[in-house]
Amino acid sequence: MYILMILAFIILFICMLLITIATIITKKTFMDREKNSPFECGFDPKSSARVPFSLHFFLIAMIFLIFDVEITLIFPLIMIMNISNMMNYFMISSFFIFILLIGLYHEWNQGALNWTN
């Protein structure tokens, strides 16, 4: 029992020694302006928060998120293809893709996918 306690103290001492040495010889600076500030969408957080935000950038980001989420909804359709009725599978998957294509056409028709106006 004493041997285990001595071994635990030795391991604790070695760990604390390594942490102390790593902290002393590290090159990381904590007083850096960029490291102390949060990064949000490319804005400078030290300037005024009342700068105009590009609504077009926001729309492109939302479209990306929507189509990123739909990929996660298509994966289960691929996995259940072998165990489902092919007629039901075809109807459900074609309806889902049809809704996505209508949404994509609407965004394209409204001009949300054009980066320059």
PDB file of N, CA and C in Angstrom:
ATOM      1  N   MET A   1       0.816  -1.185   0.000  1.00  0.00           N
ATOM      2  CA  MET A   1       0.000   0.000   0.000  1.00  0.00           C
ATOM      3  C   MET A   1       0.865   1.255   0.000  1.00  0.00           C
ATOM      4  N   TYR A   2       1.935   1.237   0.788  1.00  0.00           N
ATOM      5  CA  TYR A   2       2.843   2.376   0.833  1.00  0.00           C
ATOM      6  C   TYR A   2       3.566   2.549  -0.498  1.00  0.00           C
ATOM      7  N   ILE A   3       3.851   1.452  -1.154  1.00  0.00           N
ATOM      8  CA  ILE A   3       4.544   1.519  -2.435  1.00  0.00           C
ATOM      9  C   ILE A   3       3.652   2.215  -3.478  1.00  0.00           C
ATOM     10  N   LEU A   4       2.358   1.914  -3.456  1.00  0.00           N
ATOM     11  CA  LEU A   4       1.431   2.560  -4.386  1.00  0.00           C
ATOM     12  C   LEU A   4       1.313   4.060  -4.111  1.00  0.00           C
ATOM     13  N   MET A   5       1.290   4.445  -2.837  1.00  0.00           N
ATOM     14  CA  MET A   5       1.225   5.869  -2.506  1.00  0.00           C
ATOM     15  C   MET A   5       2.491   6.590  -2.941  1.00  0.00           C
ATOM     16  N   ILE A   6       3.639   5.978  -2.710  1.00  0.00           N
ATOM     17  CA  ILE A   6       4.907   6.588  -3.117  1.00  0.00           C
ATOM     18  C   ILE A   6       4.961   6.690  -4.642  1.00  0.00           C
ATOM     19  N   LEU A   7       4.505   5.646  -5.338  1.00  0.00           N
ATOM     20  CA  LEU A   7       4.482   5.661  -6.789  1.00  0.00           C
ATOM     21  C   LEU A   7       3.527   6.749  -7.321  1.00  0.00           C
ATOM     22  N   ALA A   8       2.402   6.917  -6.677  1.00  0.00           N
ATOM     23  CA  ALA A   8       1.448   7.956  -7.083  1.00  0.00           C
ATOM     24  C   ALA A   8       2.047   9.345  -6.887  1.00  0.00           C
ATOM     25  N   PHE A   9       2.741   9.571  -5.770  1.00  0.00           N
ATOM     26  CA  PHE A   9       3.381  10.859  -5.536  1.00  0.00           C
ATOM     27  C   PHE A   9       4.498  11.126  -6.538  1.00  0.00           C
ATOM     28  N   ILE A  10       5.240  10.100  -6.886  1.00  0.00           N
ATOM     29  CA  ILE A  10       6.312  10.263  -7.883  1.00  0.00           C
ATOM     30  C   ILE A  10       5.711  10.631  -9.239  1.00  0.00           C
ATOM     31  N   ILE A  11       4.631   9.948  -9.625  1.00  0.00           N
ATOM     32  CA  ILE A  11       3.976  10.247 -10.900  1.00  0.00           C
ATOM     33  C   ILE A  11       3.396  11.658 -10.882  1.00  0.00           C
ATOM     34  N   LEU A  12       2.779  12.059  -9.776  1.00  0.00           N
ATOM     35  CA  LEU A  12       2.241  13.405  -9.646  1.00  0.00           C
ATOM     36  C   LEU A  12       3.356  14.448  -9.735  1.00  0.00           C
ATOM     37  N   PHE A  13       4.486  14.174  -9.087  1.00  0.00           N
ATOM     38  CA  PHE A  13       5.618  15.097  -9.128  1.00  0.00           C
ATOM     39  C   PHE A  13       6.169  15.234 -10.536  1.00  0.00           C
ATOM     40  N   ILE A  14       6.295  14.128 -11.255  1.00  0.00           N
ATOM     41  CA  ILE A  14       6.804  14.172 -12.635  1.00  0.00           C
ATOM     42  C   ILE A  14       5.843  14.951 -13.536  1.00  0.00           C
ATOM     43  N   CYS A  15       4.553  14.728 -13.377  1.00  0.00           N
ATOM     44  CA  CYS A  15       3.560  15.460 -14.181  1.00  0.00           C
ATOM     45  C   CYS A  15       3.614  16.951 -13.900  1.00  0.00           C
ATOM     46  N   MET A  16       3.677  17.328 -12.636  1.00  0.00           N
ATOM     47  CA  MET A  16       3.751  18.743 -12.290  1.00  0.00           C
ATOM     48  C   MET A  16       5.046  19.373 -12.802  1.00  0.00           C
ATOM     49  N   LEU A  17       6.138  18.627 -12.745  1.00  0.00           N
ATOM     50  CA  LEU A  17       7.410  19.119 -13.256  1.00  0.00           C
ATOM     51  C   LEU A  17       7.339  19.338 -14.764  1.00  0.00           C
ATOM     52  N   LEU A  18       6.736  18.417 -15.498  1.00  0.00           N
ATOM     53  CA  LEU A  18       6.611  18.564 -16.946  1.00  0.00           C
ATOM     54  C   LEU A  18       5.699  19.738 -17.315  1.00  0.00           C
ATOM     55  N   ILE A  19       4.611  19.919 -16.591  1.00  0.00           N
ATOM     56  CA  ILE A  19       3.709  21.040 -16.852  1.00  0.00           C
ATOM     57  C   ILE A  19       4.418  22.366 -16.591  1.00  0.00           C
ATOM     58  N   THR A  20       5.186  22.432 -15.521  1.00  0.00           N
ATOM     59  CA  THR A  20       5.912  23.656 -15.185  1.00  0.00           C
ATOM     60  C   THR A  20       6.968  23.968 -16.244  1.00  0.00           C
ATOM     61  N   ILE A  21       7.711  22.975 -16.660  1.00  0.00           N
ATOM     62  CA  ILE A  21       8.742  23.189 -17.682  1.00  0.00           C
ATOM     63  C   ILE A  21       8.101  23.621 -19.005  1.00  0.00           C
ATOM     64  N   ALA A  22       6.990  22.990 -19.388  1.00  0.00           N
ATOM     65  CA  ALA A  22       6.315  23.352 -20.639  1.00  0.00           C
ATOM     66  C   ALA A  22       5.769  24.770 -20.576  1.00  0.00           C
ATOM     67  N   THR A  23       5.288  25.202 -19.427  1.00  0.00           N
ATOM     68  CA  THR A  23       4.771  26.560 -19.273  1.00  0.00           C
ATOM     69  C   THR A  23       5.900  27.589 -19.341  1.00  0.00           C
ATOM     70  N   ILE A  24       7.041  27.238 -18.803  1.00  0.00           N
ATOM     71  CA  ILE A  24       8.164  28.176 -18.790  1.00  0.00           C
ATOM     72  C   ILE A  24       8.759  28.350 -20.188  1.00  0.00           C
ATOM     73  N   ILE A  25       8.916  27.272 -20.942  1.00  0.00           N
ATOM     74  CA  ILE A  25       9.621  27.371 -22.226  1.00  0.00           C
ATOM     75  C   ILE A  25       8.693  27.582 -23.420  1.00  0.00           C
ATOM     76  N   THR A  26       7.414  27.744 -23.190  1.00  0.00           N
ATOM     77  CA  THR A  26       6.495  27.933 -24.313  1.00  0.00           C
ATOM     78  C   THR A  26       6.685  29.298 -24.958  1.00  0.00           C
ATOM     79  N   LYS A  27       6.363  29.392 -26.265  1.00  0.00           N
ATOM     80  CA  LYS A  27       6.492  30.647 -26.988  1.00  0.00           C
ATOM     81  C   LYS A  27       5.142  31.344 -27.142  1.00  0.00           C
ATOM     82  N   LYS A  28       4.100  30.782 -26.595  1.00  0.00           N
ATOM     83  CA  LYS A  28       2.766  31.358 -26.734  1.00  0.00           C
ATOM     84  C   LYS A  28       2.668  32.629 -25.898  1.00  0.00           C
ATOM     85  N   THR A  29       2.156  33.679 -26.526  1.00  0.00           N
ATOM     86  CA  THR A  29       1.972  34.933 -25.805  1.00  0.00           C
ATOM     87  C   THR A  29       0.498  35.118 -25.497  1.00  0.00           C
ATOM     88  N   PHE A  30       0.202  35.577 -24.324  1.00  0.00           N
ATOM     89  CA  PHE A  30      -1.171  35.801 -23.904  1.00  0.00           C
ATOM     90  C   PHE A  30      -1.588  37.256 -24.066  1.00  0.00           C
ATOM     91  N   MET A  31      -0.660  38.123 -24.402  1.00  0.00           N
ATOM     92  CA  MET A  31      -0.971  39.537 -24.532  1.00  0.00           C
ATOM     93  C   MET A  31      -1.202  39.942 -25.987  1.00  0.00           C
ATOM     94  N   ASP A  32      -1.365  38.991 -26.871  1.00  0.00           N
ATOM     95  CA  ASP A  32      -1.567  39.278 -28.277  1.00  0.00           C
ATOM     96  C   ASP A  32      -2.995  39.767 -28.516  1.00  0.00           C
ATOM     97  N   ARG A  33      -3.157  40.842 -29.284  1.00  0.00           N
ATOM     98  CA  ARG A  33      -4.476  41.446 -29.512  1.00  0.00           C
ATOM     99  C   ARG A  33      -5.400  40.496 -30.263  1.00  0.00           C
ATOM    100  N   GLU A  34      -4.887  39.816 -31.282  1.00  0.00           N
ATOM    101  CA  GLU A  34      -5.717  38.935 -32.088  1.00  0.00           C
ATOM    102  C   GLU A  34      -6.141  37.687 -31.332  1.00  0.00           C
ATOM    103  N   LYS A  35      -5.295  37.208 -30.443  1.00  0.00           N
ATOM    104  CA  LYS A  35      -5.639  35.994 -29.702  1.00  0.00           C
ATOM    105  C   LYS A  35      -6.628  36.265 -28.582  1.00  0.00           C
ATOM    106  N   ASN A  36      -6.658  37.488 -28.087  1.00  0.00           N
ATOM    107  CA  ASN A  36      -7.589  37.829 -27.015  1.00  0.00           C
ATOM    108  C   ASN A  36      -8.967  38.230 -27.524  1.00  0.00           C
ATOM    109  N   SER A  37      -9.100  38.434 -28.816  1.00  0.00           N
ATOM    110  CA  SER A  37     -10.381  38.886 -29.357  1.00  0.00           C
ATOM    111  C   SER A  37     -11.093  37.729 -30.057  1.00  0.00           C
ATOM    112  N   PRO A  38     -12.421  37.681 -29.969  1.00  0.00           N
ATOM    113  CA  PRO A  38     -13.162  36.635 -30.674  1.00  0.00           C
ATOM    114  C   PRO A  38     -13.197  36.924 -32.171  1.00  0.00           C
ATOM    115  N   PHE A  39     -13.295  35.877 -32.961  1.00  0.00           N
ATOM    116  CA  PHE A  39     -13.352  36.029 -34.411  1.00  0.00           C
ATOM    117  C   PHE A  39     -14.769  35.736 -34.870  1.00  0.00           C
ATOM    118  N   GLU A  40     -15.440  36.737 -35.420  1.00  0.00           N
ATOM    119  CA  GLU A  40     -16.825  36.595 -35.871  1.00  0.00           C
ATOM    120  C   GLU A  40     -16.937  37.095 -37.297  1.00  0.00           C
ATOM    121  N   CYS A  41     -17.029  36.214 -38.247  1.00  0.00           N
ATOM    122  CA  CYS A  41     -17.352  36.536 -39.646  1.00  0.00           C
ATOM    123  C   CYS A  41     -16.414  37.566 -40.266  1.00  0.00           C
ATOM    124  N   GLY A  42     -15.195  37.657 -39.830  1.00  0.00           N
ATOM    125  CA  GLY A  42     -14.249  38.572 -40.434  1.00  0.00           C
ATOM    126  C   GLY A  42     -14.339  40.000 -39.956  1.00  0.00           C
ATOM    127  N   PHE A  43     -15.181  40.297 -38.972  1.00  0.00           N
ATOM    128  CA  PHE A  43     -15.291  41.654 -38.457  1.00  0.00           C
ATOM    129  C   PHE A  43     -14.202  41.902 -37.427  1.00  0.00           C
ATOM    130  N   ASP A  44     -13.769  43.139 -37.344  1.00  0.00           N
ATOM    131  CA  ASP A  44     -12.817  43.534 -36.320  1.00  0.00           C
ATOM    132  C   ASP A  44     -13.598  43.824 -35.039  1.00  0.00           C
ATOM    133  N   PRO A  45     -13.430  43.013 -33.986  1.00  0.00           N
ATOM    134  CA  PRO A  45     -14.236  43.217 -32.780  1.00  0.00           C
ATOM    135  C   PRO A  45     -13.835  44.450 -31.985  1.00  0.00           C
ATOM    136  N   LYS A  46     -12.702  45.057 -32.297  1.00  0.00           N
ATOM    137  CA  LYS A  46     -12.275  46.252 -31.566  1.00  0.00           C
ATOM    138  C   LYS A  46     -12.885  47.523 -32.137  1.00  0.00           C
ATOM    139  N   SER A  47     -13.491  47.420 -33.328  1.00  0.00           N
ATOM    140  CA  SER A  47     -14.102  48.614 -33.922  1.00  0.00           C
ATOM    141  C   SER A  47     -15.583  48.672 -33.539  1.00  0.00           C
ATOM    142  N   SER A  48     -16.283  49.610 -34.124  1.00  0.00           N
ATOM    143  CA  SER A  48     -17.688  49.809 -33.816  1.00  0.00           C
ATOM    144  C   SER A  48     -18.520  48.607 -34.272  1.00  0.00           C
ATOM    145  N   ALA A  49     -19.513  48.265 -33.483  1.00  0.00           N
ATOM    146  CA  ALA A  49     -20.371  47.131 -33.817  1.00  0.00           C
ATOM    147  C   ALA A  49     -21.484  47.532 -34.762  1.00  0.00           C
ATOM    148  N   ARG A  50     -21.596  48.777 -35.117  1.00  0.00           N
ATOM    149  CA  ARG A  50     -22.673  49.283 -35.964  1.00  0.00           C
ATOM    150  C   ARG A  50     -22.253  49.410 -37.422  1.00  0.00           C
ATOM    151  N   VAL A  51     -21.452  48.483 -37.917  1.00  0.00           N
ATOM    152  CA  VAL A  51     -21.083  48.509 -39.326  1.00  0.00           C
ATOM    153  C   VAL A  51     -22.138  47.742 -40.112  1.00  0.00           C
ATOM    154  N   PRO A  52     -22.396  48.113 -41.359  1.00  0.00           N
ATOM    155  CA  PRO A  52     -23.420  47.417 -42.145  1.00  0.00           C
ATOM    156  C   PRO A  52     -22.989  45.992 -42.461  1.00  0.00           C
ATOM    157  N   PHE A  53     -23.936  45.088 -42.330  1.00  0.00           N
ATOM    158  CA  PHE A  53     -23.674  43.672 -42.570  1.00  0.00           C
ATOM    159  C   PHE A  53     -24.240  43.306 -43.930  1.00  0.00           C
ATOM    160  N   SER A  54     -23.495  42.539 -44.694  1.00  0.00           N
ATOM    161  CA  SER A  54     -23.935  42.130 -46.018  1.00  0.00           C
ATOM    162  C   SER A  54     -25.031  41.079 -45.895  1.00  0.00           C
ATOM    163  N   LEU A  55     -26.237  41.455 -46.309  1.00  0.00           N
ATOM    164  CA  LEU A  55     -27.355  40.517 -46.276  1.00  0.00           C
ATOM    165  C   LEU A  55     -27.151  39.391 -47.274  1.00  0.00           C
ATOM    166  N   HIS A  56     -26.453  39.695 -48.353  1.00  0.00           N
ATOM    167  CA  HIS A  56     -26.189  38.658 -49.352  1.00  0.00           C
ATOM    168  C   HIS A  56     -25.278  37.566 -48.781  1.00  0.00           C
ATOM    169  N   PHE A  57     -24.277  37.961 -48.008  1.00  0.00           N
ATOM    170  CA  PHE A  57     -23.416  36.975 -47.344  1.00  0.00           C
ATOM    171  C   PHE A  57     -24.232  36.093 -46.409  1.00  0.00           C
ATOM    172  N   PHE A  58     -25.166  36.691 -45.693  1.00  0.00           N
ATOM    173  CA  PHE A  58     -26.026  35.940 -44.790  1.00  0.00           C
ATOM    174  C   PHE A  58     -26.896  34.946 -45.555  1.00  0.00           C
ATOM    175  N   LEU A  59     -27.450  35.361 -46.691  1.00  0.00           N
ATOM    176  CA  LEU A  59     -28.277  34.461 -47.501  1.00  0.00           C
ATOM    177  C   LEU A  59     -27.476  33.281 -48.038  1.00  0.00           C
ATOM    178  N   ILE A  60     -26.274  33.540 -48.507  1.00  0.00           N
ATOM    179  CA  ILE A  60     -25.425  32.451 -49.001  1.00  0.00           C
ATOM    180  C   ILE A  60     -25.089  31.484 -47.872  1.00  0.00           C
ATOM    181  N   ALA A  61     -24.833  31.995 -46.685  1.00  0.00           N
ATOM    182  CA  ALA A  61     -24.539  31.127 -45.542  1.00  0.00           C
ATOM    183  C   ALA A  61     -25.750  30.277 -45.167  1.00  0.00           C
ATOM    184  N   MET A  62     -26.938  30.854 -45.207  1.00  0.00           N
ATOM    185  CA  MET A  62     -28.154  30.092 -44.887  1.00  0.00           C
ATOM    186  C   MET A  62     -28.431  29.019 -45.932  1.00  0.00           C
ATOM    187  N   ILE A  63     -28.217  29.348 -47.198  1.00  0.00           N
ATOM    188  CA  ILE A  63     -28.406  28.346 -48.264  1.00  0.00           C
ATOM    189  C   ILE A  63     -27.414  27.210 -48.088  1.00  0.00           C
ATOM    190  N   PHE A  64     -26.173  27.542 -47.751  1.00  0.00           N
ATOM    191  CA  PHE A  64     -25.182  26.490 -47.505  1.00  0.00           C
ATOM    192  C   PHE A  64     -25.621  25.591 -46.358  1.00  0.00           C
ATOM    193  N   LEU A  65     -26.108  26.182 -45.273  1.00  0.00           N
ATOM    194  CA  LEU A  65     -26.546  25.371 -44.133  1.00  0.00           C
ATOM    195  C   LEU A  65     -27.733  24.479 -44.488  1.00  0.00           C
ATOM    196  N   ILE A  66     -28.662  25.013 -45.260  1.00  0.00           N
ATOM    197  CA  ILE A  66     -29.822  24.207 -45.652  1.00  0.00           C
ATOM    198  C   ILE A  66     -29.384  23.013 -46.479  1.00  0.00           C
ATOM    199  N   PHE A  67     -28.525  23.230 -47.462  1.00  0.00           N
ATOM    200  CA  PHE A  67     -28.101  22.118 -48.304  1.00  0.00           C
ATOM    201  C   PHE A  67     -27.106  21.209 -47.602  1.00  0.00           C
ATOM    202  N   ASP A  68     -26.441  21.697 -46.597  1.00  0.00           N
ATOM    203  CA  ASP A  68     -25.582  20.840 -45.794  1.00  0.00           C
ATOM    204  C   ASP A  68     -26.424  19.902 -44.933  1.00  0.00           C
ATOM    205  N   VAL A  69     -27.514  20.413 -44.393  1.00  0.00           N
ATOM    206  CA  VAL A  69     -28.401  19.582 -43.579  1.00  0.00           C
ATOM    207  C   VAL A  69     -29.138  18.569 -44.447  1.00  0.00           C
ATOM    208  N   GLU A  70     -29.486  18.934 -45.674  1.00  0.00           N
ATOM    209  CA  GLU A  70     -30.203  17.982 -46.516  1.00  0.00           C
ATOM    210  C   GLU A  70     -29.333  16.804 -46.896  1.00  0.00           C
ATOM    211  N   ILE A  71     -28.036  16.973 -46.932  1.00  0.00           N
ATOM    212  CA  ILE A  71     -27.156  15.832 -47.195  1.00  0.00           C
ATOM    213  C   ILE A  71     -27.257  14.827 -46.050  1.00  0.00           C
ATOM    214  N   THR A  72     -27.362  15.310 -44.838  1.00  0.00           N
ATOM    215  CA  THR A  72     -27.515  14.386 -43.715  1.00  0.00           C
ATOM    216  C   THR A  72     -28.879  13.712 -43.724  1.00  0.00           C
ATOM    217  N   LEU A  73     -29.845  14.302 -44.393  1.00  0.00           N
ATOM    218  CA  LEU A  73     -31.149  13.651 -44.521  1.00  0.00           C
ATOM    219  C   LEU A  73     -31.180  12.658 -45.676  1.00  0.00           C
ATOM    220  N   ILE A  74     -30.303  12.810 -46.653  1.00  0.00           N
ATOM    221  CA  ILE A  74     -30.247  11.870 -47.774  1.00  0.00           C
ATOM    222  C   ILE A  74     -29.506  10.592 -47.393  1.00  0.00           C
ATOM    223  N   PHE A  75     -28.539  10.654 -46.508  1.00  0.00           N
ATOM    224  CA  PHE A  75     -27.774   9.466 -46.127  1.00  0.00           C
ATOM    225  C   PHE A  75     -28.642   8.316 -45.612  1.00  0.00           C
ATOM    226  N   PRO A  76     -29.624   8.562 -44.740  1.00  0.00           N
ATOM    227  CA  PRO A  76     -30.464   7.422 -44.335  1.00  0.00           C
ATOM    228  C   PRO A  76     -31.274   6.831 -45.492  1.00  0.00           C
ATOM    229  N   LEU A  77     -31.617   7.646 -46.483  1.00  0.00           N
ATOM    230  CA  LEU A  77     -32.320   7.107 -47.641  1.00  0.00           C
ATOM    231  C   LEU A  77     -31.453   6.095 -48.383  1.00  0.00           C
ATOM    232  N   ILE A  78     -30.178   6.360 -48.449  1.00  0.00           N
ATOM    233  CA  ILE A  78     -29.262   5.423 -49.108  1.00  0.00           C
ATOM    234  C   ILE A  78     -29.138   4.140 -48.289  1.00  0.00           C
ATOM    235  N   MET A  79     -29.102   4.276 -46.973  1.00  0.00           N
ATOM    236  CA  MET A  79     -28.913   3.102 -46.111  1.00  0.00           C
ATOM    237  C   MET A  79     -30.136   2.176 -46.101  1.00  0.00           C
ATOM    238  N   ILE A  80     -31.348   2.721 -46.250  1.00  0.00           N
ATOM    239  CA  ILE A  80     -32.538   1.868 -46.183  1.00  0.00           C
ATOM    240  C   ILE A  80     -33.006   1.406 -47.557  1.00  0.00           C
ATOM    241  N   MET A  81     -32.220   1.664 -48.579  1.00  0.00           N
ATOM    242  CA  MET A  81     -32.617   1.288 -49.930  1.00  0.00           C
ATOM    243  C   MET A  81     -32.791  -0.218 -50.077  1.00  0.00           C
ATOM    244  N   ASN A  82     -31.950  -1.008 -49.432  1.00  0.00           N
ATOM    245  CA  ASN A  82     -32.018  -2.467 -49.562  1.00  0.00           C
ATOM    246  C   ASN A  82     -33.172  -3.086 -48.795  1.00  0.00           C
ATOM    247  N   ILE A  83     -33.618  -2.445 -47.718  1.00  0.00           N
ATOM    248  CA  ILE A  83     -34.634  -3.087 -46.869  1.00  0.00           C
ATOM    249  C   ILE A  83     -36.038  -2.532 -47.062  1.00  0.00           C
ATOM    250  N   SER A  84     -36.213  -1.595 -47.991  1.00  0.00           N
ATOM    251  CA  SER A  84     -37.539  -1.004 -48.160  1.00  0.00           C
ATOM    252  C   SER A  84     -38.144  -1.417 -49.492  1.00  0.00           C
ATOM    253  N   ASN A  85     -39.436  -1.173 -49.611  1.00  0.00           N
ATOM    254  CA  ASN A  85     -40.139  -1.409 -50.855  1.00  0.00           C
ATOM    255  C   ASN A  85     -39.650  -0.377 -51.868  1.00  0.00           C
ATOM    256  N   MET A  86     -39.279  -0.813 -53.063  1.00  0.00           N
ATOM    257  CA  MET A  86     -38.666   0.081 -54.027  1.00  0.00           C
ATOM    258  C   MET A  86     -39.627   1.160 -54.520  1.00  0.00           C
ATOM    259  N   MET A  87     -40.902   0.831 -54.601  1.00  0.00           N
ATOM    260  CA  MET A  87     -41.870   1.843 -55.040  1.00  0.00           C
ATOM    261  C   MET A  87     -42.008   2.955 -53.992  1.00  0.00           C
ATOM    262  N   ASN A  88     -42.126   2.568 -52.715  1.00  0.00           N
ATOM    263  CA  ASN A  88     -42.197   3.569 -51.638  1.00  0.00           C
ATOM    264  C   ASN A  88     -40.898   4.359 -51.546  1.00  0.00           C
ATOM    265  N   TYR A  89     -39.778   3.676 -51.698  1.00  0.00           N
ATOM    266  CA  TYR A  89     -38.481   4.338 -51.624  1.00  0.00           C
ATOM    267  C   TYR A  89     -38.353   5.370 -52.741  1.00  0.00           C
ATOM    268  N   PHE A  90     -38.753   4.988 -53.949  1.00  0.00           N
ATOM    269  CA  PHE A  90     -38.662   5.904 -55.080  1.00  0.00           C
ATOM    270  C   PHE A  90     -39.573   7.111 -54.891  1.00  0.00           C
ATOM    271  N   MET A  91     -40.783   6.888 -54.385  1.00  0.00           N
ATOM    272  CA  MET A  91     -41.728   7.992 -54.182  1.00  0.00           C
ATOM    273  C   MET A  91     -41.198   8.979 -53.130  1.00  0.00           C
ATOM    274  N   ILE A  92     -40.729   8.447 -52.002  1.00  0.00           N
ATOM    275  CA  ILE A  92     -40.254   9.312 -50.914  1.00  0.00           C
ATOM    276  C   ILE A  92     -38.997  10.081 -51.320  1.00  0.00           C
ATOM    277  N   SER A  93     -38.036   9.384 -51.910  1.00  0.00           N
ATOM    278  CA  SER A  93     -36.788  10.059 -52.283  1.00  0.00           C
ATOM    279  C   SER A  93     -37.004  11.056 -53.409  1.00  0.00           C
ATOM    280  N   SER A  94     -37.847  10.733 -54.388  1.00  0.00           N
ATOM    281  CA  SER A  94     -38.095  11.690 -55.464  1.00  0.00           C
ATOM    282  C   SER A  94     -38.869  12.908 -54.955  1.00  0.00           C
ATOM    283  N   PHE A  95     -39.796  12.720 -54.010  1.00  0.00           N
ATOM    284  CA  PHE A  95     -40.517  13.850 -53.424  1.00  0.00           C
ATOM    285  C   PHE A  95     -39.562  14.760 -52.655  1.00  0.00           C
ATOM    286  N   PHE A  96     -38.658  14.157 -51.895  1.00  0.00           N
ATOM    287  CA  PHE A  96     -37.688  14.932 -51.120  1.00  0.00           C
ATOM    288  C   PHE A  96     -36.773  15.723 -52.042  1.00  0.00           C
ATOM    289  N   ILE A  97     -36.243  15.092 -53.069  1.00  0.00           N
ATOM    290  CA  ILE A  97     -35.342  15.777 -53.992  1.00  0.00           C
ATOM    291  C   ILE A  97     -36.105  16.828 -54.801  1.00  0.00           C
ATOM    292  N   PHE A  98     -37.381  16.568 -55.122  1.00  0.00           N
ATOM    293  CA  PHE A  98     -38.206  17.537 -55.837  1.00  0.00           C
ATOM    294  C   PHE A  98     -38.399  18.805 -55.008  1.00  0.00           C
ATOM    295  N   ILE A  99     -38.651  18.649 -53.722  1.00  0.00           N
ATOM    296  CA  ILE A  99     -38.786  19.824 -52.845  1.00  0.00           C
ATOM    297  C   ILE A  99     -37.479  20.618 -52.798  1.00  0.00           C
ATOM    298  N   LEU A 100     -36.348  19.927 -52.716  1.00  0.00           N
ATOM    299  CA  LEU A 100     -35.058  20.629 -52.702  1.00  0.00           C
ATOM    300  C   LEU A 100     -34.798  21.352 -54.018  1.00  0.00           C
ATOM    301  N   LEU A 101     -35.157  20.724 -55.137  1.00  0.00           N
ATOM    302  CA  LEU A 101     -34.952  21.368 -56.429  1.00  0.00           C
ATOM    303  C   LEU A 101     -35.853  22.584 -56.608  1.00  0.00           C
ATOM    304  N   ILE A 102     -37.075  22.522 -56.096  1.00  0.00           N
ATOM    305  CA  ILE A 102     -37.960  23.682 -56.156  1.00  0.00           C
ATOM    306  C   ILE A 102     -37.381  24.833 -55.324  1.00  0.00           C
ATOM    307  N   GLY A 103     -36.856  24.509 -54.147  1.00  0.00           N
ATOM    308  CA  GLY A 103     -36.224  25.544 -53.317  1.00  0.00           C
ATOM    309  C   GLY A 103     -35.004  26.139 -53.989  1.00  0.00           C
ATOM    310  N   LEU A 104     -34.191  25.294 -54.636  1.00  0.00           N
ATOM    311  CA  LEU A 104     -33.014  25.787 -55.348  1.00  0.00           C
ATOM    312  C   LEU A 104     -33.423  26.665 -56.526  1.00  0.00           C
ATOM    313  N   TYR A 105     -34.456  26.262 -57.261  1.00  0.00           N
ATOM    314  CA  TYR A 105     -34.935  27.072 -58.374  1.00  0.00           C
ATOM    315  C   TYR A 105     -35.472  28.422 -57.883  1.00  0.00           C
ATOM    316  N   HIS A 106     -36.166  28.410 -56.770  1.00  0.00           N
ATOM    317  CA  HIS A 106     -36.694  29.662 -56.224  1.00  0.00           C
ATOM    318  C   HIS A 106     -35.559  30.610 -55.828  1.00  0.00           C
ATOM    319  N   GLU A 107     -34.544  30.080 -55.174  1.00  0.00           N
ATOM    320  CA  GLU A 107     -33.405  30.911 -54.793  1.00  0.00           C
ATOM    321  C   GLU A 107     -32.676  31.442 -56.022  1.00  0.00           C
ATOM    322  N   TRP A 108     -32.548  30.608 -57.032  1.00  0.00           N
ATOM    323  CA  TRP A 108     -31.881  31.009 -58.264  1.00  0.00           C
ATOM    324  C   TRP A 108     -32.699  32.079 -58.980  1.00  0.00           C
ATOM    325  N   ASN A 109     -34.021  31.890 -59.008  1.00  0.00           N
ATOM    326  CA  ASN A 109     -34.905  32.828 -59.685  1.00  0.00           C
ATOM    327  C   ASN A 109     -34.942  34.187 -58.955  1.00  0.00           C
ATOM    328  N   GLN A 110     -34.826  34.179 -57.638  1.00  0.00           N
ATOM    329  CA  GLN A 110     -34.827  35.418 -56.876  1.00  0.00           C
ATOM    330  C   GLN A 110     -33.481  36.145 -56.933  1.00  0.00           C
ATOM    331  N   GLY A 111     -32.457  35.469 -57.441  1.00  0.00           N
ATOM    332  CA  GLY A 111     -31.133  36.088 -57.571  1.00  0.00           C
ATOM    333  C   GLY A 111     -30.286  35.972 -56.327  1.00  0.00           C
ATOM    334  N   ALA A 112     -30.636  35.098 -55.403  1.00  0.00           N
ATOM    335  CA  ALA A 112     -29.863  34.973 -54.173  1.00  0.00           C
ATOM    336  C   ALA A 112     -28.543  34.253 -54.396  1.00  0.00           C
ATOM    337  N   LEU A 113     -28.421  33.525 -55.497  1.00  0.00           N
ATOM    338  CA  LEU A 113     -27.182  32.786 -55.749  1.00  0.00           C
ATOM    339  C   LEU A 113     -26.172  33.600 -56.560  1.00  0.00           C
ATOM    340  N   ASN A 114     -26.579  34.756 -57.064  1.00  0.00           N
ATOM    341  CA  ASN A 114     -25.653  35.628 -57.792  1.00  0.00           C
ATOM    342  C   ASN A 114     -24.893  36.470 -56.787  1.00  0.00           C
ATOM    343  N   TRP A 115     -23.557  36.372 -56.853  1.00  0.00           N
ATOM    344  CA  TRP A 115     -22.768  37.101 -55.868  1.00  0.00           C
ATOM    345  C   TRP A 115     -22.727  38.594 -56.196  1.00  0.00           C
ATOM    346  N   THR A 116     -22.686  38.934 -57.473  1.00  0.00           N
ATOM    347  CA  THR A 116     -22.704  40.352 -57.855  1.00  0.00           C
ATOM    348  C   THR A 116     -24.047  40.674 -58.467  1.00  0.00           C
ATOM    349  N   ASN A 117     -24.543  41.855 -58.195  1.00  0.00           N
ATOM    350  CA  ASN A 117     -25.853  42.248 -58.720  1.00  0.00           C
ATOM    351  C   ASN A 117     -25.730  42.995 -60.015  1.00  0.00           C
TER     352      ASN A 117
END
